[in-house]
Amino acid sequence: MFSEVLKDYDWEETTGRIMTKTPADVERALTKKNPGIEDFMALVSPAAEPYLENMAALSRHYTQERFGKTISMYIPMYITNSCANSCVYCGFNCHNKFERVILTTSQIEDECKAIRSLAPFENLLLVTGENPKAAGTSYLEKALKICRPYFNNLSMEVMPLPTEDYERLTHAGLNGVVCFQETYNRERYKVYHPAGMKSNFEWRLNGFDRMGNAGLHKIGMGVLIGLEDWRTDVTMMALHLRYLKKNYWRTRFSVNFPRLRPAAGGYQPNIVMTDRELAQLTFAFRIFDHDIDISYSTREYPEFRDNMMTLGVTSMSAGSKTDPGGYFTYPRSLEQFEVSDDRSPLQVAEAIRKAGYEPVWKDWDKIFD
């Protein structure tokens, strides 16, 4: 389990190693075809900032070499905001007072139809709060079976589950799981997740091993930028990625770097990441792993997403509603976070074409399951 591996990495020591990287370390990392963790530290360090143009060029080269000039399109569907956790940064926090929504089977189907009318999406991401009693594995199984006739590829971003539950859901049409560790800082994790199932650091961290053991086709990873030092957090995630790829080599992987946005409750980020820093992180991950799918959500602004789509990003959401039933059933319910790119899916697709790239609506077929 990765929790045992992580014990060998001290947070403060790792931060110190990153911050003392030199220009020579960065130049050395840029010459390597297969950079290691120390090289990754150099690429996300302050010493790499003057090398941003070099990193961008290398990131573009590796991305086009592996993915061509394509951007995979996906859309999230929030099916419940019911949650038993008390994450201090999230609008779905169980202490926030608002009407909780759990979509019925017919409402989920209405949402599917509404999404299909927007654009030819085939990649759907089902998202929930974490309330296993009200919306547990049986509820997720029903939701997947309803969505399956409408979409070729189904992923979900839900509470971490036991291995046998992930296996069960693959028989209902599940292809992949996205899970954000939020932060790898074990000591500070409890500050942000004081109560609820999510407060168990090891259970969440080892969820990726359980996904791998269940034979999932794809696993999505991420840290929430704005909690702790982003350079140290993403270094721990890079270490985690290498571990997972070694142990679950049949599985594909993706990474996402969501920056904290305003949410109900008024939480303010501890760390503010600039656009240049997010670009540096994106380039560093592409140089570190040529095959990784790097995803940008509608948290990011249109201009920034348009610039980054040619420099390392390989998948994007579009037309996103972050409230349950937001496409048809409850168009004005509480959002989990504020969307920054509110363009329609077809407008995003047109921007991709203008950049000389091709939007890909379908990259997986049911026949492969």
Protein backbone atom coordinates (compact mmCIF):
# COMPACT_ATOMS: atom_id res chain seq x y z
CA MET A 1 0.00 0.00 0.00
CA PHE A 2 1.24 3.46 -0.85
CA SER A 3 0.65 4.74 2.68
CA GLU A 4 3.65 2.66 3.75
CA VAL A 5 5.81 4.11 0.97
CA LEU A 6 4.82 7.66 1.86
CA LYS A 7 6.08 7.22 5.44
CA ASP A 8 9.62 7.30 4.06
CA TYR A 9 9.15 10.86 2.77
CA ASP A 10 9.22 13.68 5.29
CA TRP A 11 7.18 16.70 4.20
CA GLU A 12 9.59 19.38 5.44
CA GLU A 13 12.65 17.59 4.13
CA THR A 14 11.06 17.19 0.70
CA THR A 15 10.13 20.86 0.65
CA GLY A 16 13.74 21.73 1.48
CA ARG A 17 15.07 19.56 -1.35
CA ILE A 18 12.75 21.25 -3.84
CA MET A 19 13.61 24.77 -2.73
CA THR A 20 17.37 24.17 -2.95
CA LYS A 21 17.36 22.89 -6.54
CA THR A 22 19.70 24.87 -8.81
CA PRO A 23 19.63 25.96 -12.46
CA ALA A 24 22.11 23.14 -13.16
CA ASP A 25 19.59 20.64 -11.72
CA VAL A 26 16.89 22.04 -14.02
CA GLU A 27 19.12 21.89 -17.09
CA ARG A 28 20.05 18.31 -16.27
CA ALA A 29 16.38 17.34 -15.89
CA LEU A 30 15.54 18.86 -19.27
CA THR A 31 18.06 16.61 -21.02
CA LYS A 32 16.66 13.37 -19.63
CA LYS A 33 14.29 11.21 -21.65
CA ASN A 34 12.99 9.52 -18.48
CA PRO A 35 13.29 11.98 -15.56
CA GLY A 36 13.16 10.71 -11.99
CA ILE A 37 11.62 12.19 -8.86
CA GLU A 38 14.65 14.40 -8.19
CA ASP A 39 14.35 15.76 -11.73
CA PHE A 40 10.66 16.42 -11.19
CA MET A 41 11.50 18.38 -8.04
CA ALA A 42 13.86 20.54 -10.08
CA LEU A 43 11.21 21.18 -12.74
CA VAL A 44 8.63 22.41 -10.20
CA SER A 45 11.18 24.37 -8.16
CA PRO A 46 11.65 28.16 -8.25
CA ALA A 47 14.94 27.51 -10.07
CA ALA A 48 12.94 26.34 -13.12
CA GLU A 49 11.00 29.58 -13.56
CA PRO A 50 13.51 31.11 -16.05
CA TYR A 51 13.24 27.92 -18.14
CA LEU A 52 9.49 28.11 -18.72
CA GLU A 53 9.77 28.57 -22.50
CA ASN A 54 12.12 25.59 -22.79
CA MET A 55 9.77 23.50 -20.69
CA ALA A 56 6.77 24.56 -22.78
CA ALA A 57 8.48 23.54 -26.02
CA LEU A 58 9.49 20.17 -24.62
CA SER A 59 6.00 19.60 -23.18
CA ARG A 60 4.40 20.38 -26.54
CA HIS A 61 6.80 18.01 -28.30
CA TYR A 62 6.10 15.08 -25.98
CA THR A 63 2.35 15.70 -26.02
CA GLN A 64 2.10 15.76 -29.81
CA GLU A 65 4.40 12.74 -30.06
CA ARG A 66 2.09 10.70 -27.81
CA PHE A 67 -1.39 12.20 -28.36
CA GLY A 68 -1.18 14.08 -31.66
CA LYS A 69 -3.14 17.31 -31.94
CA THR A 70 -6.22 16.16 -30.03
CA ILE A 71 -8.18 17.18 -26.95
CA SER A 72 -10.49 14.61 -25.37
CA MET A 73 -13.82 16.10 -24.28
CA TYR A 74 -15.78 15.11 -21.18
CA ILE A 75 -18.60 16.48 -19.06
CA PRO A 76 -19.42 15.99 -15.36
CA MET A 77 -22.87 15.08 -14.06
CA TYR A 78 -23.48 15.80 -10.37
CA ILE A 79 -26.16 13.43 -9.10
CA THR A 80 -26.18 14.29 -5.38
CA ASN A 81 -24.83 16.98 -3.06
CA SER A 82 -25.67 14.97 0.04
CA CYS A 83 -22.50 14.61 2.09
CA ALA A 84 -21.52 13.38 5.55
CA ASN A 85 -18.10 15.08 5.54
CA SER A 86 -17.13 18.47 6.93
CA CYS A 87 -14.35 19.52 4.53
CA VAL A 88 -13.69 23.17 5.36
CA TYR A 89 -13.17 24.23 1.73
CA CYS A 90 -16.22 22.57 0.12
CA GLY A 91 -19.70 23.91 -0.52
CA PHE A 92 -21.15 20.43 0.11
CA ASN A 93 -19.87 20.51 3.75
CA CYS A 94 -22.51 18.76 5.90
CA HIS A 95 -22.72 21.81 8.20
CA ASN A 96 -23.74 24.16 5.38
CA LYS A 97 -27.48 24.74 5.46
CA PHE A 98 -29.19 24.20 2.11
CA GLU A 99 -31.54 21.71 0.52
CA ARG A 100 -29.77 18.44 -0.26
CA VAL A 101 -30.54 16.76 -3.57
CA ILE A 102 -30.31 13.08 -4.50
CA LEU A 103 -31.45 12.59 -8.06
CA THR A 104 -33.95 9.82 -8.74
CA THR A 105 -33.43 7.30 -11.51
CA SER A 106 -35.80 9.19 -13.83
CA GLN A 107 -34.05 12.49 -13.06
CA ILE A 108 -30.67 10.96 -13.85
CA GLU A 109 -32.03 9.84 -17.20
CA ASP A 110 -33.37 13.35 -17.85
CA GLU A 111 -29.89 14.73 -17.17
CA CYS A 112 -28.41 12.23 -19.64
CA LYS A 113 -30.81 13.34 -22.34
CA ALA A 114 -30.10 17.01 -21.62
CA ILE A 115 -26.34 16.46 -21.91
CA ARG A 116 -26.75 14.55 -25.17
CA SER A 117 -28.64 17.54 -26.58
CA LEU A 118 -25.70 19.86 -25.79
CA ALA A 119 -22.99 18.08 -27.79
CA PRO A 120 -21.93 14.56 -28.84
CA PHE A 121 -20.26 13.74 -25.51
CA GLU A 122 -19.33 10.09 -24.96
CA ASN A 123 -17.18 10.60 -21.85
CA LEU A 124 -19.29 11.20 -18.74
CA LEU A 125 -18.00 11.80 -15.22
CA LEU A 126 -20.51 11.05 -12.45
CA VAL A 127 -19.90 13.14 -9.32
CA THR A 128 -21.42 12.88 -5.83
CA GLY A 129 -20.91 14.10 -2.31
CA GLU A 130 -19.81 11.41 0.14
CA ASN A 131 -22.82 9.94 1.91
CA PRO A 132 -22.67 6.13 1.81
CA LYS A 133 -25.94 5.70 3.71
CA ALA A 134 -28.03 7.87 1.40
CA ALA A 135 -26.15 7.32 -1.87
CA GLY A 136 -23.89 4.30 -1.53
CA THR A 137 -22.70 1.61 -3.90
CA SER A 138 -26.20 0.37 -4.80
CA TYR A 139 -27.23 3.91 -5.76
CA LEU A 140 -24.07 4.33 -7.87
CA GLU A 141 -24.73 1.00 -9.56
CA LYS A 142 -28.23 2.09 -10.57
CA ALA A 143 -26.91 5.42 -11.84
CA LEU A 144 -24.27 3.76 -13.99
CA LYS A 145 -26.78 1.37 -15.53
CA ILE A 146 -29.07 4.30 -16.42
CA CYS A 147 -26.24 6.30 -17.99
CA ARG A 148 -24.62 3.43 -19.87
CA PRO A 149 -26.98 3.43 -22.90
CA TYR A 150 -26.28 7.14 -23.43
CA PHE A 151 -22.46 7.19 -23.09
CA ASN A 152 -19.62 4.90 -24.15
CA ASN A 153 -17.25 5.84 -21.35
CA LEU A 154 -18.30 6.24 -17.71
CA SER A 155 -16.10 7.49 -14.90
CA MET A 156 -17.02 8.62 -11.43
CA GLU A 157 -15.68 10.90 -8.73
CA VAL A 158 -17.19 9.57 -5.52
CA MET A 159 -16.22 8.40 -2.04
CA PRO A 160 -13.38 5.83 -1.91
CA LEU A 161 -14.77 2.29 -1.95
CA PRO A 162 -13.61 -1.25 -1.09
CA THR A 163 -12.02 -3.23 -3.92
CA GLU A 164 -15.05 -5.52 -4.26
CA ASP A 165 -17.35 -2.51 -4.72
CA TYR A 166 -15.18 -1.14 -7.53
CA GLU A 167 -15.27 -4.58 -9.16
CA ARG A 168 -19.04 -4.68 -8.78
CA LEU A 169 -19.42 -1.30 -10.45
CA THR A 170 -17.31 -2.31 -13.45
CA HIS A 171 -20.09 -4.80 -14.26
CA ALA A 172 -22.53 -1.86 -14.32
CA GLY A 173 -20.43 -0.03 -16.92
CA LEU A 174 -17.77 1.77 -14.88
CA ASN A 175 -14.53 2.43 -16.78
CA GLY A 176 -12.60 4.78 -14.51
CA VAL A 177 -12.45 6.58 -11.17
CA VAL A 178 -11.20 10.07 -10.33
CA CYS A 179 -10.13 10.74 -6.75
CA PHE A 180 -8.37 13.78 -5.32
CA GLN A 181 -6.17 13.11 -2.32
CA GLU A 182 -6.60 16.87 -1.70
CA THR A 183 -3.24 17.00 0.14
CA TYR A 184 -0.50 14.48 0.89
CA ASN A 185 0.45 16.37 4.05
CA ARG A 186 -0.49 13.74 6.62
CA GLU A 187 -0.11 16.09 9.58
CA ARG A 188 -2.28 18.84 8.11
CA TYR A 189 -4.86 16.62 6.40
CA LYS A 190 -7.08 16.46 9.50
CA VAL A 191 -7.27 20.27 9.64
CA TYR A 192 -9.14 20.31 6.34
CA HIS A 193 -11.13 17.12 6.93
CA PRO A 194 -12.06 17.19 10.64
CA ALA A 195 -14.95 14.71 10.53
CA GLY A 196 -16.65 12.14 8.35
CA MET A 197 -15.25 9.20 6.39
CA LYS A 198 -12.96 11.53 4.45
CA SER A 199 -11.05 12.36 7.64
CA ASN A 200 -9.32 8.94 7.40
CA PHE A 201 -6.10 9.80 5.56
CA GLU A 202 -4.95 6.21 4.97
CA TRP A 203 -8.32 4.98 3.72
CA ARG A 204 -8.39 7.69 1.06
CA LEU A 205 -4.73 7.37 0.13
CA ASN A 206 -4.89 3.59 -0.25
CA GLY A 207 -8.08 3.85 -2.30
CA PHE A 208 -5.89 4.06 -5.42
CA ASP A 209 -4.44 0.63 -4.62
CA ARG A 210 -7.96 -0.72 -4.27
CA MET A 211 -8.87 0.77 -7.67
CA GLY A 212 -5.81 -0.86 -9.21
CA ASN A 213 -6.61 -4.22 -7.64
CA ALA A 214 -10.13 -3.98 -9.05
CA GLY A 215 -8.68 -3.72 -12.57
CA LEU A 216 -10.11 -0.32 -13.47
CA HIS A 217 -9.32 0.85 -16.98
CA LYS A 218 -8.35 4.36 -15.84
CA ILE A 219 -7.49 6.12 -12.57
CA GLY A 220 -7.51 9.90 -12.19
CA MET A 221 -5.40 11.63 -9.52
CA GLY A 222 -5.19 15.14 -8.15
CA VAL A 223 -4.34 17.45 -5.29
CA LEU A 224 -6.33 20.53 -4.39
CA ILE A 225 -4.13 23.53 -5.06
CA GLY A 226 -4.57 26.07 -2.28
CA LEU A 227 -4.29 23.93 0.85
CA GLU A 228 -0.58 23.28 1.33
CA ASP A 229 2.64 24.10 -0.53
CA TRP A 230 1.80 23.02 -4.06
CA ARG A 231 5.34 22.04 -5.02
CA THR A 232 5.59 19.49 -2.22
CA ASP A 233 2.08 18.18 -2.76
CA VAL A 234 2.58 17.55 -6.48
CA THR A 235 5.94 15.92 -5.82
CA MET A 236 4.22 13.44 -3.51
CA MET A 237 1.61 12.89 -6.24
CA ALA A 238 4.36 12.26 -8.82
CA LEU A 239 5.87 9.71 -6.45
CA HIS A 240 2.43 8.12 -6.02
CA LEU A 241 1.95 8.00 -9.80
CA ARG A 242 5.25 6.16 -10.31
CA TYR A 243 4.27 3.65 -7.63
CA LEU A 244 0.86 3.03 -9.21
CA LYS A 245 2.20 2.65 -12.75
CA LYS A 246 4.73 0.09 -11.54
CA ASN A 247 2.16 -1.96 -9.63
CA TYR A 248 -0.90 -1.57 -11.89
CA TRP A 249 0.71 -1.32 -15.29
CA ARG A 250 -2.44 -2.32 -17.21
CA THR A 251 -4.26 0.80 -15.98
CA ARG A 252 -4.15 4.24 -17.64
CA PHE A 253 -3.71 7.33 -15.48
CA SER A 254 -4.67 10.99 -15.55
CA VAL A 255 -3.82 14.01 -13.39
CA ASN A 256 -5.72 17.18 -12.61
CA PHE A 257 -4.60 20.28 -10.71
CA PRO A 258 -7.77 22.04 -9.48
CA ARG A 259 -7.18 25.45 -7.96
CA LEU A 260 -9.50 26.36 -5.10
CA ARG A 261 -12.45 28.50 -6.14
CA PRO A 262 -15.05 30.31 -3.99
CA ALA A 263 -17.53 27.94 -2.34
CA ALA A 264 -20.37 28.18 0.18
CA GLY A 265 -18.89 28.72 3.64
CA GLY A 266 -16.42 31.40 2.56
CA TYR A 267 -13.17 29.40 2.83
CA GLN A 268 -10.13 31.25 1.48
CA PRO A 269 -7.14 29.34 0.05
CA ASN A 270 -3.90 29.25 2.04
CA ILE A 271 -1.87 29.23 -1.18
CA VAL A 272 -2.64 31.11 -4.38
CA MET A 273 -1.10 29.55 -7.48
CA THR A 274 -0.48 31.90 -10.40
CA ASP A 275 -1.16 31.00 -14.02
CA ARG A 276 2.58 30.83 -14.68
CA GLU A 277 2.99 28.38 -11.83
CA LEU A 278 0.16 26.18 -13.10
CA ALA A 279 1.76 26.24 -16.54
CA GLN A 280 5.11 25.25 -14.99
CA LEU A 281 3.44 22.37 -13.14
CA THR A 282 1.70 21.18 -16.32
CA PHE A 283 4.94 21.21 -18.30
CA ALA A 284 6.79 19.45 -15.48
CA PHE A 285 4.26 16.61 -15.38
CA ARG A 286 4.36 16.15 -19.14
CA ILE A 287 8.17 16.02 -19.15
CA PHE A 288 8.06 13.62 -16.20
CA ASP A 289 5.48 11.31 -17.80
CA HIS A 290 4.90 11.45 -21.55
CA ASP A 291 1.86 9.16 -21.43
CA ILE A 292 -0.15 10.79 -18.65
CA ASP A 293 -3.50 12.36 -19.51
CA ILE A 294 -3.44 15.93 -18.18
CA SER A 295 -6.92 17.31 -17.63
CA TYR A 296 -8.17 20.88 -17.17
CA SER A 297 -11.68 21.53 -15.88
CA THR A 298 -13.91 24.57 -16.24
CA ARG A 299 -12.44 25.90 -12.98
CA GLU A 300 -9.88 27.58 -15.26
CA TYR A 301 -10.53 30.68 -17.34
CA PRO A 302 -11.19 30.38 -21.11
CA GLU A 303 -8.08 32.29 -22.21
CA PHE A 304 -5.80 30.19 -20.05
CA ARG A 305 -7.36 26.91 -21.15
CA ASP A 306 -7.08 27.97 -24.81
CA ASN A 307 -3.37 28.73 -24.37
CA MET A 308 -2.61 25.49 -22.54
CA MET A 309 -4.45 23.16 -24.91
CA THR A 310 -1.46 23.24 -27.29
CA LEU A 311 1.21 22.92 -24.61
CA GLY A 312 0.48 19.75 -22.65
CA VAL A 313 -3.20 19.44 -21.78
CA THR A 314 -4.94 16.42 -23.35
CA SER A 315 -8.50 16.47 -21.96
CA MET A 316 -10.99 19.16 -21.00
CA SER A 317 -14.48 19.42 -19.59
CA ALA A 318 -16.95 21.80 -21.20
CA GLY A 319 -20.43 23.09 -20.46
CA SER A 320 -20.06 21.91 -16.86
CA LYS A 321 -22.71 22.29 -14.19
CA THR A 322 -21.42 21.61 -10.67
CA ASP A 323 -24.84 21.34 -9.06
CA PRO A 324 -26.96 18.15 -9.00
CA GLY A 325 -29.55 18.23 -11.76
CA GLY A 326 -27.98 21.36 -13.22
CA TYR A 327 -28.56 20.43 -16.86
CA PHE A 328 -32.31 19.89 -16.57
CA THR A 329 -33.84 19.02 -13.19
CA TYR A 330 -32.61 21.72 -10.79
CA PRO A 331 -30.92 24.45 -12.83
CA ARG A 332 -30.41 26.72 -9.80
CA SER A 333 -29.30 24.41 -6.98
CA LEU A 334 -26.08 24.99 -5.02
CA GLU A 335 -22.83 24.64 -6.99
CA GLN A 336 -19.89 22.82 -5.45
CA PHE A 337 -17.55 25.46 -6.86
CA GLU A 338 -17.72 28.44 -9.20
CA VAL A 339 -17.20 27.70 -12.90
CA SER A 340 -14.80 30.07 -14.69
CA ASP A 341 -15.24 28.85 -18.28
CA ASP A 342 -18.96 29.10 -19.00
CA ARG A 343 -18.70 28.63 -22.77
CA SER A 344 -20.93 26.02 -24.35
CA PRO A 345 -19.34 22.69 -25.35
CA LEU A 346 -19.58 23.63 -29.02
CA GLN A 347 -17.87 26.96 -28.37
CA VAL A 348 -15.02 25.18 -26.59
CA ALA A 349 -14.78 22.71 -29.47
CA GLU A 350 -14.56 25.59 -31.93
CA ALA A 351 -11.74 27.17 -29.91
CA ILE A 352 -9.88 23.84 -30.05
CA ARG A 353 -10.25 23.73 -33.84
CA LYS A 354 -9.05 27.33 -34.19
CA ALA A 355 -5.88 26.30 -32.36
CA GLY A 356 -5.30 23.62 -35.00
CA TYR A 357 -6.40 20.75 -32.76
CA GLU A 358 -9.25 18.27 -32.98
CA PRO A 359 -11.86 17.83 -30.22
CA VAL A 360 -12.38 14.11 -29.57
CA TRP A 361 -15.83 13.26 -28.22
CA LYS A 362 -15.34 9.50 -28.19
CA ASP A 363 -12.13 7.60 -27.39
CA TRP A 364 -13.57 4.43 -25.84
CA ASP A 365 -16.21 2.01 -27.03
CA LYS A 366 -18.53 -0.23 -24.99
CA ILE A 367 -17.32 -3.23 -26.97
CA PHE A 368 -13.94 -3.00 -25.15
CA ASP A 369 -15.52 -3.66 -21.74
